[in-house]
Amino acid sequence: MFEQILVPSKDNATITLPSDLYGMEVRVMAVPLKSTKRIKKKMLLPPHINTNLWKFNREEANER
């Protein structure tokens, strides 16, 4: 079995199959994934949390 996840950037995309599949009958399926990676990048914290008042002490963070 061969699986490849890609994000096409053009109207026409090419999928390269491994050479051990050459000459065999194969099924190619394109199914959009419900990716949570993009959602996590955009929304690290719930939108109702105000982080403007949070302070970061670099010295305290680097203490051992």
C-alpha atoms as a PDB file:
ATOM      1  CA  MET A   1       0.000   0.000   0.000  1.00  0.00           C
ATOM      2  CA  PHE A   2       1.200   3.498  -0.793  1.00  0.00           C
ATOM      3  CA  GLU A   3      -0.192   6.682   0.725  1.00  0.00           C
ATOM      4  CA  GLN A   4       0.893  10.228   0.032  1.00  0.00           C
ATOM      5  CA  ILE A   5      -0.570  13.406   1.503  1.00  0.00           C
ATOM      6  CA  LEU A   6      -0.050  16.518  -0.579  1.00  0.00           C
ATOM      7  CA  VAL A   7      -1.409  20.018  -1.007  1.00  0.00           C
ATOM      8  CA  PRO A   8      -1.823  20.775  -4.722  1.00  0.00           C
ATOM      9  CA  SER A   9      -0.793  24.286  -5.641  1.00  0.00           C
ATOM     10  CA  LYS A  10      -1.914  24.247  -9.269  1.00  0.00           C
ATOM     11  CA  ASP A  11      -4.954  23.213 -11.269  1.00  0.00           C
ATOM     12  CA  ASN A  12      -3.114  20.063 -12.321  1.00  0.00           C
ATOM     13  CA  ALA A  13      -1.102  17.950  -9.853  1.00  0.00           C
ATOM     14  CA  THR A  14       1.062  14.897 -10.532  1.00  0.00           C
ATOM     15  CA  ILE A  15       1.448  11.987  -8.126  1.00  0.00           C
ATOM     16  CA  THR A  16       4.576   9.869  -8.523  1.00  0.00           C
ATOM     17  CA  LEU A  17       4.074   6.203  -7.657  1.00  0.00           C
ATOM     18  CA  PRO A  18       6.806   3.874  -6.385  1.00  0.00           C
ATOM     19  CA  SER A  19       8.413   1.698  -9.041  1.00  0.00           C
ATOM     20  CA  ASP A  20       7.151  -1.522  -7.420  1.00  0.00           C
ATOM     21  CA  LEU A  21       3.613  -0.494  -8.453  1.00  0.00           C
ATOM     22  CA  TYR A  22       4.500  -0.141 -12.147  1.00  0.00           C
ATOM     23  CA  GLY A  23       2.525  -2.540 -14.327  1.00  0.00           C
ATOM     24  CA  MET A  24      -0.002  -3.240 -11.572  1.00  0.00           C
ATOM     25  CA  GLU A  25      -3.644  -2.273 -11.433  1.00  0.00           C
ATOM     26  CA  VAL A  26      -3.952   0.464  -8.772  1.00  0.00           C
ATOM     27  CA  ARG A  27      -6.736   2.623  -7.374  1.00  0.00           C
ATOM     28  CA  VAL A  28      -6.024   6.318  -6.928  1.00  0.00           C
ATOM     29  CA  MET A  29      -8.338   8.281  -4.633  1.00  0.00           C
ATOM     30  CA  ALA A  30      -8.309  11.982  -3.787  1.00  0.00           C
ATOM     31  CA  VAL A  31     -10.067  12.719  -0.505  1.00  0.00           C
ATOM     32  CA  PRO A  32      -9.810  16.107   1.223  1.00  0.00           C
ATOM     33  CA  LEU A  33      -8.568  15.808   4.794  1.00  0.00           C
ATOM     34  CA  LYS A  34     -10.063  17.692   7.697  1.00  0.00           C
ATOM     35  CA  SER A  35      -6.753  19.045   8.874  1.00  0.00           C
ATOM     36  CA  THR A  36      -6.547  20.354  12.418  1.00  0.00           C
ATOM     37  CA  LYS A  37      -3.001  21.619  11.893  1.00  0.00           C
ATOM     38  CA  ARG A  38      -4.161  24.807  10.213  1.00  0.00           C
ATOM     39  CA  ILE A  39      -6.784  25.433  12.884  1.00  0.00           C
ATOM     40  CA  LYS A  40      -4.229  25.012  15.666  1.00  0.00           C
ATOM     41  CA  LYS A  41      -1.825  27.449  14.020  1.00  0.00           C
ATOM     42  CA  LYS A  42      -4.488  30.117  13.658  1.00  0.00           C
ATOM     43  CA  MET A  43      -6.140  29.637  17.026  1.00  0.00           C
ATOM     44  CA  LEU A  44      -3.737  28.743  19.829  1.00  0.00           C
ATOM     45  CA  LEU A  45      -5.976  30.201  22.537  1.00  0.00           C
ATOM     46  CA  PRO A  46      -9.722  30.662  22.611  1.00  0.00           C
ATOM     47  CA  PRO A  47     -10.582  34.112  21.207  1.00  0.00           C
ATOM     48  CA  HIS A  48     -12.144  35.353  24.454  1.00  0.00           C
ATOM     49  CA  ILE A  49      -8.855  35.291  26.426  1.00  0.00           C
ATOM     50  CA  ASN A  50      -7.128  38.675  26.582  1.00  0.00           C
ATOM     51  CA  THR A  51      -3.342  38.188  26.679  1.00  0.00           C
ATOM     52  CA  ASN A  52      -2.460  41.887  26.573  1.00  0.00           C
ATOM     53  CA  LEU A  53      -1.965  42.047  30.346  1.00  0.00           C
ATOM     54  CA  TRP A  54       0.290  38.972  30.554  1.00  0.00           C
ATOM     55  CA  LYS A  55       3.943  39.707  31.354  1.00  0.00           C
ATOM     56  CA  PHE A  56       6.945  37.576  30.410  1.00  0.00           C
ATOM     57  CA  ASN A  57      10.026  37.594  32.624  1.00  0.00           C
ATOM     58  CA  ARG A  58      12.869  36.160  30.554  1.00  0.00           C
ATOM     59  CA  GLU A  59      15.231  35.906  33.551  1.00  0.00           C
ATOM     60  CA  GLU A  60      12.690  33.938  35.549  1.00  0.00           C
ATOM     61  CA  ALA A  61      11.980  31.648  32.595  1.00  0.00           C
ATOM     62  CA  ASN A  62      15.689  30.842  32.173  1.00  0.00           C
ATOM     63  CA  GLU A  63      16.372  30.111  35.875  1.00  0.00           C
ATOM     64  CA  ARG A  64      17.408  26.573  36.722  1.00  0.00           C
END
